[in-house]
C-alpha atoms as a PDB file:
ATOM      1  CA  LEU A   1    -158.306 -26.556  26.514  1.00  0.00           C
ATOM      2  CA  ARG A   2    -160.226 -25.888  29.731  1.00  0.00           C
ATOM      3  CA  SER A   3    -162.743 -23.767  27.756  1.00  0.00           C
ATOM      4  CA  THR A   4    -163.292 -26.621  25.306  1.00  0.00           C
ATOM      5  CA  GLN A   5    -163.839 -29.049  28.205  1.00  0.00           C
ATOM      6  CA  LEU A   6    -166.310 -26.587  29.693  1.00  0.00           C
ATOM      7  CA  ASP A   7    -168.322 -26.600  26.460  1.00  0.00           C
ATOM      8  CA  VAL A   8    -168.366 -30.396  26.481  1.00  0.00           C
ATOM      9  CA  ASP A   9    -169.460 -30.440  30.135  1.00  0.00           C
ATOM     10  CA  ASN A  10    -172.276 -27.986  29.433  1.00  0.00           C
ATOM     11  CA  ILE A  11    -173.552 -30.179  26.613  1.00  0.00           C
ATOM     12  CA  GLN A  12    -173.380 -33.223  28.905  1.00  0.00           C
ATOM     13  CA  LEU A  13    -175.202 -31.269  31.617  1.00  0.00           C
ATOM     14  CA  LEU A  14    -178.049 -30.501  29.216  1.00  0.00           C
ATOM     15  CA  THR A  15    -178.191 -34.190  28.338  1.00  0.00           C
ATOM     16  CA  PHE A  16    -178.439 -35.126  32.020  1.00  0.00           C
ATOM     17  CA  GLU A  17    -181.193 -32.553  32.502  1.00  0.00           C
ATOM     18  CA  SER A  18    -183.164 -33.986  29.587  1.00  0.00           C
ATOM     19  CA  GLN A  19    -182.709 -37.553  30.828  1.00  0.00           C
ATOM     20  CA  GLY A  20    -183.661 -36.494  34.349  1.00  0.00           C
ATOM     21  CA  GLU A  21    -186.878 -34.845  33.137  1.00  0.00           C
ATOM     22  CA  ILE A  22    -187.832 -37.998  31.244  1.00  0.00           C
ATOM     23  CA  LEU A  23    -187.176 -40.149  34.322  1.00  0.00           C
ATOM     24  CA  LYS A  24    -189.205 -37.773  36.497  1.00  0.00           C
ATOM     25  CA  VAL A  25    -192.168 -38.100  34.140  1.00  0.00           C
ATOM     26  CA  GLU A  26    -191.834 -41.893  34.110  1.00  0.00           C
ATOM     27  CA  VAL A  27    -191.634 -42.033  37.920  1.00  0.00           C
ATOM     28  CA  SER A  28    -194.659 -39.750  38.173  1.00  0.00           C
ATOM     29  CA  ASP A  29    -196.623 -41.884  35.708  1.00  0.00           C
ATOM     30  CA  LEU A  30    -195.785 -45.083  37.565  1.00  0.00           C
ATOM     31  CA  SER A  31    -196.696 -43.514  40.906  1.00  0.00           C
ATOM     32  CA  LEU A  32    -200.017 -42.357  39.466  1.00  0.00           C
ATOM     33  CA  LEU A  33    -200.566 -45.807  38.011  1.00  0.00           C
ATOM     34  CA  LEU A  34    -200.084 -47.355  41.448  1.00  0.00           C
ATOM     35  CA  GLN A  35    -202.494 -44.845  42.983  1.00  0.00           C
ATOM     36  CA  GLN A  36    -205.047 -45.708  40.336  1.00  0.00           C
ATOM     37  CA  ASP A  37    -204.457 -49.368  41.067  1.00  0.00           C
ATOM     38  CA  ASN A  38    -205.151 -48.743  44.758  1.00  0.00           C
ATOM     39  CA  ALA A  39    -208.381 -46.984  43.838  1.00  0.00           C
ATOM     40  CA  LEU A  40    -209.224 -49.793  41.452  1.00  0.00           C
ATOM     41  CA  ARG A  41    -208.730 -52.381  44.166  1.00  0.00           C
ATOM     42  CA  SER A  42    -210.976 -50.374  46.518  1.00  0.00           C
ATOM     43  CA  LEU A  43    -213.655 -50.192  43.831  1.00  0.00           C
ATOM     44  CA  GLN A  44    -213.292 -53.879  43.251  1.00  0.00           C
ATOM     45  CA  GLU A  45    -213.915 -54.567  46.924  1.00  0.00           C
ATOM     46  CA  LEU A  46    -217.009 -52.367  46.780  1.00  0.00           C
ATOM     47  CA  GLN A  47    -218.062 -54.049  43.571  1.00  0.00           C
ATOM     48  CA  LEU A  48    -217.989 -57.393  45.325  1.00  0.00           C
ATOM     49  CA  GLU A  49    -220.313 -55.986  48.017  1.00  0.00           C
ATOM     50  CA  LEU A  50    -223.012 -54.928  45.517  1.00  0.00           C
ATOM     51  CA  GLU A  51    -226.266 -56.865  45.811  1.00  0.00           C
ATOM     52  CA  LYS A  52    -229.290 -56.928  43.551  1.00  0.00           C
ATOM     53  CA  ASP A  53    -232.151 -54.592  44.587  1.00  0.00           C
ATOM     54  CA  LYS A  54    -229.902 -52.937  47.194  1.00  0.00           C
ATOM     55  CA  ALA A  55    -228.531 -49.419  47.043  1.00  0.00           C
ATOM     56  CA  CYS A  56    -224.889 -48.808  46.039  1.00  0.00           C
ATOM     57  CA  PRO A  57    -222.864 -47.610  49.057  1.00  0.00           C
ATOM     58  CA  LEU A  58    -221.250 -44.901  46.883  1.00  0.00           C
ATOM     59  CA  CYS A  59    -223.992 -43.498  44.672  1.00  0.00           C
ATOM     60  CA  GLY A  60    -227.144 -45.013  46.199  1.00  0.00           C
ATOM     61  CA  SER A  61    -228.354 -46.424  42.891  1.00  0.00           C
ATOM     62  CA  PHE A  62    -230.416 -49.608  42.902  1.00  0.00           C
ATOM     63  CA  GLU A  63    -229.209 -50.541  39.405  1.00  0.00           C
ATOM     64  CA  HIS A  64    -225.808 -52.169  39.074  1.00  0.00           C
ATOM     65  CA  PRO A  65    -225.053 -52.657  35.327  1.00  0.00           C
ATOM     66  CA  SER A  66    -221.380 -53.680  35.915  1.00  0.00           C
ATOM     67  CA  ILE A  67    -222.047 -56.137  38.669  1.00  0.00           C
ATOM     68  CA  GLY A  68    -221.127 -59.034  36.360  1.00  0.00           C
ATOM     69  CA  THR A  69    -217.903 -57.421  35.187  1.00  0.00           C
ATOM     70  CA  LEU A  70    -215.042 -57.448  37.664  1.00  0.00           C
ATOM     71  CA  LEU A  71    -212.338 -54.868  37.202  1.00  0.00           C
ATOM     72  CA  VAL A  72    -208.919 -56.365  36.427  1.00  0.00           C
ATOM     73  CA  PRO A  73    -206.280 -55.018  38.827  1.00  0.00           C
ATOM     74  CA  LEU A  74    -202.738 -54.079  37.818  1.00  0.00           C
ATOM     75  CA  ASP A  75    -199.699 -56.390  38.165  1.00  0.00           C
ATOM     76  CA  ARG A  76    -198.602 -54.561  41.264  1.00  0.00           C
ATOM     77  CA  ALA A  77    -195.304 -56.358  41.901  1.00  0.00           C
ATOM     78  CA  GLU A  78    -194.044 -55.737  38.346  1.00  0.00           C
ATOM     79  CA  THR A  79    -195.169 -52.101  38.457  1.00  0.00           C
ATOM     80  CA  VAL A  80    -193.545 -51.512  41.863  1.00  0.00           C
ATOM     81  CA  GLN A  81    -190.283 -52.987  40.562  1.00  0.00           C
ATOM     82  CA  ARG A  82    -190.412 -50.755  37.488  1.00  0.00           C
ATOM     83  CA  LEU A  83    -191.020 -47.739  39.724  1.00  0.00           C
ATOM     84  CA  LYS A  84    -188.094 -48.743  41.939  1.00  0.00           C
ATOM     85  CA  ASN A  85    -185.771 -49.113  38.935  1.00  0.00           C
ATOM     86  CA  LYS A  86    -186.815 -45.736  37.528  1.00  0.00           C
ATOM     87  CA  GLU A  87    -186.294 -44.044  40.913  1.00  0.00           C
ATOM     88  CA  GLU A  88    -182.789 -45.560  41.177  1.00  0.00           C
ATOM     89  CA  MET A  89    -181.964 -44.404  37.650  1.00  0.00           C
ATOM     90  CA  LEU A  90    -183.284 -40.948  38.515  1.00  0.00           C
ATOM     91  CA  GLN A  91    -181.125 -40.776  41.658  1.00  0.00           C
ATOM     92  CA  THR A  92    -178.075 -41.871  39.643  1.00  0.00           C
ATOM     93  CA  LYS A  93    -178.694 -39.194  37.022  1.00  0.00           C
ATOM     94  CA  LEU A  94    -179.208 -36.590  39.749  1.00  0.00           C
ATOM     95  CA  ALA A  95    -175.874 -37.573  41.324  1.00  0.00           C
ATOM     96  CA  GLU A  96    -174.109 -37.382  37.946  1.00  0.00           C
ATOM     97  CA  TYR A  97    -175.833 -34.060  37.297  1.00  0.00           C
ATOM     98  CA  GLU A  98    -174.673 -32.587  40.606  1.00  0.00           C
ATOM     99  CA  GLN A  99    -171.129 -33.893  40.094  1.00  0.00           C
ATOM    100  CA  LEU A 100    -170.924 -32.426  36.606  1.00  0.00           C
ATOM    101  CA  LYS A 101    -172.464 -29.212  37.833  1.00  0.00           C
ATOM    102  CA  GLY A 102    -169.712 -28.928  40.452  1.00  0.00           C
ATOM    103  CA  GLN A 103    -167.102 -29.685  37.806  1.00  0.00           C
ATOM    104  CA  ILE A 104    -168.492 -26.949  35.569  1.00  0.00           C
ATOM    105  CA  LYS A 105    -168.488 -24.546  38.491  1.00  0.00           C
ATOM    106  CA  GLY A 106    -164.829 -25.362  39.125  1.00  0.00           C
ATOM    107  CA  SER A 107    -163.976 -24.872  35.434  1.00  0.00           C
ATOM    108  CA  ILE A 108    -165.754 -21.524  35.396  1.00  0.00           C
ATOM    109  CA  GLY A 109    -163.774 -20.452  38.470  1.00  0.00           C
ATOM    110  CA  TYR A 110    -160.515 -21.610  36.887  1.00  0.00           C
ATOM    111  CA  ILE A 111    -161.243 -19.731  33.655  1.00  0.00           C
ATOM    112  CA  SER A 112    -162.203 -16.666  35.669  1.00  0.00           C
ATOM    113  CA  ASP A 113    -158.873 -16.807  37.532  1.00  0.00           C
ATOM    114  CA  LEU A 114    -156.983 -17.167  34.240  1.00  0.00           C
ATOM    115  CA  THR A 115    -158.887 -14.217  32.803  1.00  0.00           C
ATOM    116  CA  GLN A 116    -157.991 -12.091  35.809  1.00  0.00           C
ATOM    117  CA  GLN A 117    -154.342 -13.138  35.540  1.00  0.00           C
ATOM    118  CA  GLN A 118    -154.345 -12.285  31.846  1.00  0.00           C
ATOM    119  CA  GLN A 119    -155.846  -8.884  32.545  1.00  0.00           C
ATOM    120  CA  LYS A 120    -153.266  -8.341  35.280  1.00  0.00           C
ATOM    121  CA  ILE A 121    -150.419  -9.289  32.941  1.00  0.00           C
ATOM    122  CA  CYS A 122    -151.760  -6.988  30.218  1.00  0.00           C
ATOM    123  CA  LEU A 123    -151.973  -4.156  32.741  1.00  0.00           C
ATOM    124  CA  GLN A 124    -148.397  -4.813  33.874  1.00  0.00           C
ATOM    125  CA  LYS A 125    -147.307  -4.837  30.248  1.00  0.00           C
ATOM    126  CA  GLU A 126    -148.995  -1.500  29.590  1.00  0.00           C
ATOM    127  CA  ASN A 127    -147.449  -0.006  32.734  1.00  0.00           C
ATOM    128  CA  ALA A 128    -143.991  -1.255  31.737  1.00  0.00           C
ATOM    129  CA  LEU A 129    -144.438   0.138  28.233  1.00  0.00           C
ATOM    130  CA  GLN A 130    -145.581   3.464  29.647  1.00  0.00           C
ATOM    131  CA  LEU A 131    -142.540   3.625  31.941  1.00  0.00           C
ATOM    132  CA  TRP A 132    -140.311   2.803  28.988  1.00  0.00           C
ATOM    133  CA  ARG A 133    -141.860   5.608  26.982  1.00  0.00           C
ATOM    134  CA  LEU A 134    -141.338   8.067  29.858  1.00  0.00           C
ATOM    135  CA  ASN A 135    -137.658   7.146  30.197  1.00  0.00           C
ATOM    136  CA  HIS A 136    -135.492  10.217  29.598  1.00  0.00           C
ATOM    137  CA  TYR A 137    -133.137   8.266  27.328  1.00  0.00           C
ATOM    138  CA  VAL A 138    -136.025   7.065  25.163  1.00  0.00           C
ATOM    139  CA  ILE A 139    -137.425  10.570  25.025  1.00  0.00           C
ATOM    140  CA  SER A 140    -134.042  12.108  24.164  1.00  0.00           C
ATOM    141  CA  GLU A 141    -133.363   9.540  21.433  1.00  0.00           C
ATOM    142  CA  LYS A 142    -136.972   9.587  20.223  1.00  0.00           C
ATOM    143  CA  LEU A 143    -137.125   5.772  20.249  1.00  0.00           C
ATOM    144  CA  THR A 144    -140.311   3.983  19.432  1.00  0.00           C
ATOM    145  CA  TYR A 145    -141.444   0.521  20.614  1.00  0.00           C
ATOM    146  CA  LYS A 146    -142.799  -1.081  17.452  1.00  0.00           C
ATOM    147  CA  ILE A 147    -141.566  -4.620  17.695  1.00  0.00           C
ATOM    148  CA  THR A 148    -144.101  -6.843  16.008  1.00  0.00           C
ATOM    149  CA  THR A 149    -144.640 -10.553  16.280  1.00  0.00           C
ATOM    150  CA  GLU A 150    -143.209 -10.974  12.816  1.00  0.00           C
ATOM    151  CA  GLN A 151    -140.032  -9.163  13.845  1.00  0.00           C
ATOM    152  CA  CYS A 152    -139.720 -11.260  16.995  1.00  0.00           C
ATOM    153  CA  LEU A 153    -140.043 -14.415  14.973  1.00  0.00           C
ATOM    154  CA  ALA A 154    -137.753 -13.262  12.159  1.00  0.00           C
ATOM    155  CA  VAL A 155    -134.742 -15.068  13.623  1.00  0.00           C
ATOM    156  CA  ASP A 156    -136.710 -18.253  14.151  1.00  0.00           C
ATOM    157  CA  ILE A 157    -138.171 -18.052  10.654  1.00  0.00           C
ATOM    158  CA  GLU A 158    -134.707 -17.580   9.176  1.00  0.00           C
ATOM    159  CA  GLN A 159    -133.416 -20.600  11.101  1.00  0.00           C
ATOM    160  CA  LEU A 160    -136.374 -22.649   9.924  1.00  0.00           C
ATOM    161  CA  ASN A 161    -135.713 -21.613   6.334  1.00  0.00           C
ATOM    162  CA  ARG A 162    -132.069 -22.648   6.654  1.00  0.00           C
ATOM    163  CA  LYS A 163    -133.087 -25.956   8.168  1.00  0.00           C
ATOM    164  CA  ASP A 164    -135.612 -26.465   5.394  1.00  0.00           C
ATOM    165  CA  LEU A 165    -132.914 -25.761   2.791  1.00  0.00           C
ATOM    166  CA  GLN A 166    -130.534 -28.169   4.529  1.00  0.00           C
ATOM    167  CA  LEU A 167    -133.288 -30.760   4.680  1.00  0.00           C
ATOM    168  CA  THR A 168    -133.953 -30.346   0.969  1.00  0.00           C
ATOM    169  CA  GLU A 169    -130.250 -30.793   0.220  1.00  0.00           C
ATOM    170  CA  LYS A 170    -130.113 -33.884   2.418  1.00  0.00           C
ATOM    171  CA  ILE A 171    -133.159 -35.325   0.668  1.00  0.00           C
ATOM    172  CA  THR A 172    -131.529 -34.700  -2.717  1.00  0.00           C
ATOM    173  CA  GLN A 173    -128.307 -36.353  -1.530  1.00  0.00           C
ATOM    174  CA  LEU A 174    -130.324 -39.257  -0.177  1.00  0.00           C
ATOM    175  CA  GLN A 175    -132.115 -39.683  -3.488  1.00  0.00           C
ATOM    176  CA  ASN A 176    -128.784 -39.646  -5.334  1.00  0.00           C
ATOM    177  CA  LEU A 177    -127.355 -42.192  -2.913  1.00  0.00           C
ATOM    178  CA  GLU A 178    -130.425 -44.378  -3.344  1.00  0.00           C
ATOM    179  CA  LEU A 179    -129.966 -44.176  -7.120  1.00  0.00           C
ATOM    180  CA  GLN A 180    -126.289 -45.085  -6.774  1.00  0.00           C
ATOM    181  CA  CYS A 181    -127.178 -47.913  -4.427  1.00  0.00           C
ATOM    182  CA  GLN A 182    -129.691 -49.180  -6.951  1.00  0.00           C
ATOM    183  CA  THR A 183    -127.012 -49.068  -9.652  1.00  0.00           C
ATOM    184  CA  PHE A 184    -124.532 -50.820  -7.381  1.00  0.00           C
ATOM    185  CA  PHE A 185    -127.153 -53.382  -6.475  1.00  0.00           C
ATOM    186  CA  SER A 186    -127.873 -54.092 -10.142  1.00  0.00           C
ATOM    187  CA  GLU A 187    -124.142 -54.410 -10.828  1.00  0.00           C
ATOM    188  CA  LYS A 188    -123.817 -56.660  -7.793  1.00  0.00           C
ATOM    189  CA  GLU A 189    -126.650 -58.865  -9.043  1.00  0.00           C
ATOM    190  CA  ARG A 190    -125.028 -59.041 -12.483  1.00  0.00           C
ATOM    191  CA  CYS A 191    -121.628 -59.912 -11.002  1.00  0.00           C
ATOM    192  CA  LEU A 192    -123.260 -62.433  -8.690  1.00  0.00           C
ATOM    193  CA  SER A 193    -125.000 -64.036 -11.662  1.00  0.00           C
ATOM    194  CA  ILE A 194    -121.698 -64.197 -13.557  1.00  0.00           C
ATOM    195  CA  TRP A 195    -120.000 -65.595 -10.462  1.00  0.00           C
ATOM    196  CA  HIS A 196    -122.676 -68.270 -10.057  1.00  0.00           C
ATOM    197  CA  LYS A 197    -122.361 -69.140 -13.724  1.00  0.00           C
ATOM    198  CA  ALA A 198    -118.576 -69.275 -13.516  1.00  0.00           C
ATOM    199  CA  GLN A 199    -118.838 -71.285 -10.317  1.00  0.00           C
ATOM    200  CA  GLY A 200    -121.144 -73.709 -12.100  1.00  0.00           C
ATOM    201  CA  GLU A 201    -118.761 -73.950 -15.017  1.00  0.00           C
ATOM    202  CA  CYS A 202    -115.867 -74.336 -12.619  1.00  0.00           C
ATOM    203  CA  GLN A 203    -117.745 -77.041 -10.780  1.00  0.00           C
ATOM    204  CA  THR A 204    -118.420 -78.779 -14.080  1.00  0.00           C
ATOM    205  CA  SER A 205    -114.754 -78.386 -15.015  1.00  0.00           C
ATOM    206  CA  LEU A 206    -113.724 -79.805 -11.663  1.00  0.00           C
ATOM    207  CA  VAL A 207    -115.990 -82.786 -12.215  1.00  0.00           C
ATOM    208  CA  GLN A 208    -114.537 -83.271 -15.673  1.00  0.00           C
ATOM    209  CA  GLN A 209    -111.026 -82.934 -14.277  1.00  0.00           C
ATOM    210  CA  GLN A 210    -111.865 -85.488 -11.608  1.00  0.00           C
ATOM    211  CA  LEU A 211    -113.218 -87.849 -14.266  1.00  0.00           C
ATOM    212  CA  LEU A 212    -110.104 -87.332 -16.370  1.00  0.00           C
ATOM    213  CA  HIS A 213    -107.943 -87.849 -13.323  1.00  0.00           C
ATOM    214  CA  ASP A 214    -109.777 -91.071 -12.479  1.00  0.00           C
ATOM    215  CA  HIS A 215    -109.531 -92.207 -16.113  1.00  0.00           C
ATOM    216  CA  ARG A 216    -105.850 -91.343 -16.141  1.00  0.00           C
ATOM    217  CA  GLN A 217    -105.311 -93.336 -12.968  1.00  0.00           C
ATOM    218  CA  GLN A 218    -107.177 -96.269 -14.498  1.00  0.00           C
ATOM    219  CA  CYS A 219    -105.040 -96.010 -17.632  1.00  0.00           C
ATOM    220  CA  ALA A 220    -101.920 -95.794 -15.495  1.00  0.00           C
ATOM    221  CA  GLN A 221    -103.021 -98.857 -13.558  1.00  0.00           C
ATOM    222  CA  GLN A 222    -103.768-100.703 -16.785  1.00  0.00           C
ATOM    223  CA  LEU A 223    -100.408 -99.551 -18.152  1.00  0.00           C
ATOM    224  CA  ASP A 224     -98.706-100.851 -15.029  1.00  0.00           C
ATOM    225  CA  VAL A 225    -100.508-104.164 -15.466  1.00  0.00           C
ATOM    226  CA  GLN A 226     -99.480-104.236 -19.114  1.00  0.00           C
ATOM    227  CA  LYS A 227     -95.923-103.311 -18.157  1.00  0.00           C
ATOM    228  CA  GLU A 228     -95.913-106.149 -15.673  1.00  0.00           C
ATOM    229  CA  GLU A 229     -97.343-108.457 -18.338  1.00  0.00           C
ATOM    230  CA  ILE A 230     -94.696-107.277 -20.817  1.00  0.00           C
ATOM    231  CA  GLY A 231     -91.997-107.826 -18.226  1.00  0.00           C
ATOM    232  CA  ARG A 232     -93.322-111.300 -17.559  1.00  0.00           C
ATOM    233  CA  LEU A 233     -93.447-112.000 -21.286  1.00  0.00           C
ATOM    234  CA  LYS A 234     -89.915-110.674 -21.695  1.00  0.00           C
ATOM    235  CA  LYS A 235     -88.763-113.011 -18.971  1.00  0.00           C
ATOM    236  CA  ASP A 236     -90.565-115.909 -20.618  1.00  0.00           C
ATOM    237  CA  ILE A 237     -89.011-115.015 -23.970  1.00  0.00           C
ATOM    238  CA  LYS A 238     -85.577-114.804 -22.447  1.00  0.00           C
ATOM    239  CA  ARG A 239     -86.124-118.130 -20.727  1.00  0.00           C
ATOM    240  CA  ILE A 240     -87.350-119.658 -23.963  1.00  0.00           C
ATOM    241  CA  LEU A 241     -84.418-118.211 -25.901  1.00  0.00           C
ATOM    242  CA  LYS A 242     -81.997-119.842 -23.507  1.00  0.00           C
ATOM    243  CA  ASP A 243     -83.538-123.314 -24.129  1.00  0.00           C
ATOM    244  CA  ASP A 244     -82.223-124.378 -27.632  1.00  0.00           C
ATOM    245  CA  SER A 245     -84.300-127.549 -27.776  1.00  0.00           C
ATOM    246  CA  VAL A 246     -87.450-125.513 -27.401  1.00  0.00           C
ATOM    247  CA  LEU A 247     -86.284-123.160 -30.131  1.00  0.00           C
ATOM    248  CA  ASP A 248     -85.484-126.115 -32.433  1.00  0.00           C
ATOM    249  CA  ALA A 249     -88.880-127.669 -31.762  1.00  0.00           C
ATOM    250  CA  LEU A 250     -90.492-124.315 -32.382  1.00  0.00           C
ATOM    251  CA  PHE A 251     -88.754-123.688 -35.709  1.00  0.00           C
ATOM    252  CA  THR A 252     -88.862-127.330 -37.023  1.00  0.00           C
ATOM    253  CA  ALA A 253     -92.498-127.933 -36.118  1.00  0.00           C
ATOM    254  CA  PRO A 254     -93.845-126.827 -39.531  1.00  0.00           C
ATOM    255  CA  LYS A 255     -91.343-128.981 -41.375  1.00  0.00           C
ATOM    256  CA  ARG A 256     -92.125-132.011 -39.281  1.00  0.00           C
ATOM    257  CA  TRP A 257     -95.848-131.480 -39.770  1.00  0.00           C
ATOM    258  CA  TRP A 258     -95.344-131.334 -43.558  1.00  0.00           C
ATOM    259  CA  GLU A 259     -93.234-134.461 -43.639  1.00  0.00           C
ATOM    260  CA  LYS A 260     -95.863-136.268 -41.584  1.00  0.00           C
ATOM    261  CA  GLN A 261     -98.545-135.298 -44.022  1.00  0.00           C
ATOM    262  CA  GLN A 262     -96.519-136.581 -46.980  1.00  0.00           C
ATOM    263  CA  GLN A 263     -95.913-139.899 -45.218  1.00  0.00           C
ATOM    264  CA  ILE A 264     -99.621-140.298 -44.615  1.00  0.00           C
ATOM    265  CA  ALA A 265    -100.279-139.633 -48.293  1.00  0.00           C
ATOM    266  CA  GLN A 266     -97.766-142.255 -49.429  1.00  0.00           C
ATOM    267  CA  ASP A 267     -99.206-144.854 -47.110  1.00  0.00           C
ATOM    268  CA  VAL A 268    -102.603-144.326 -48.604  1.00  0.00           C
END
């Protein structure tokens, strides 16, 4: 891990170096540009001092072909600010470069220490193996130290194989249980559908029973009313039967009506 980080840091260090070189060139160019601007301003001042038919203070010439053309100076404030920004960026990159350089140095030292420890451990291992080989019991029994990595891991590999087999069995059992659960779920849905249907039919039957019950109560009430009416009529009949004059009037009414009709006919 530390070796991998060291590789990354080295790549980053090269990037910082490249960026630093670019910033150095930019700072140098801006500094040169400011120097040229200073020279340009000096020339401009001299240019303003040139007079016709008088010698140039620099070259002594009496001809001044550029006397009508003033040199345009640089935007000094903007250029100075750019130079300042580039110098700050350069200082930042230099600080990052030095920090990363120290980090790389520390990583190299750490890796060097680990390498020395590894070499020391290997040497101790070889010394221990040599002492084991020189042991009188080992020599007398002619034992050899040939334990390989595969042999050391044989127990672990066997355990992993058993766990893998157990896992496979568990997965198979789980799949069977899921299949059974799916079957049970389908059966549950079917039973639930039947139950809902039966519940609906039962609800309908209950409604019908309630209607029949209400109708039966209405019929019973009507029957009670009719029974009361019958009782009242029976009482009236009994009362009428006890009154002979009413019975005579009732039974002789047709005869009297007929006799009245005959009398009317005779009178006519």
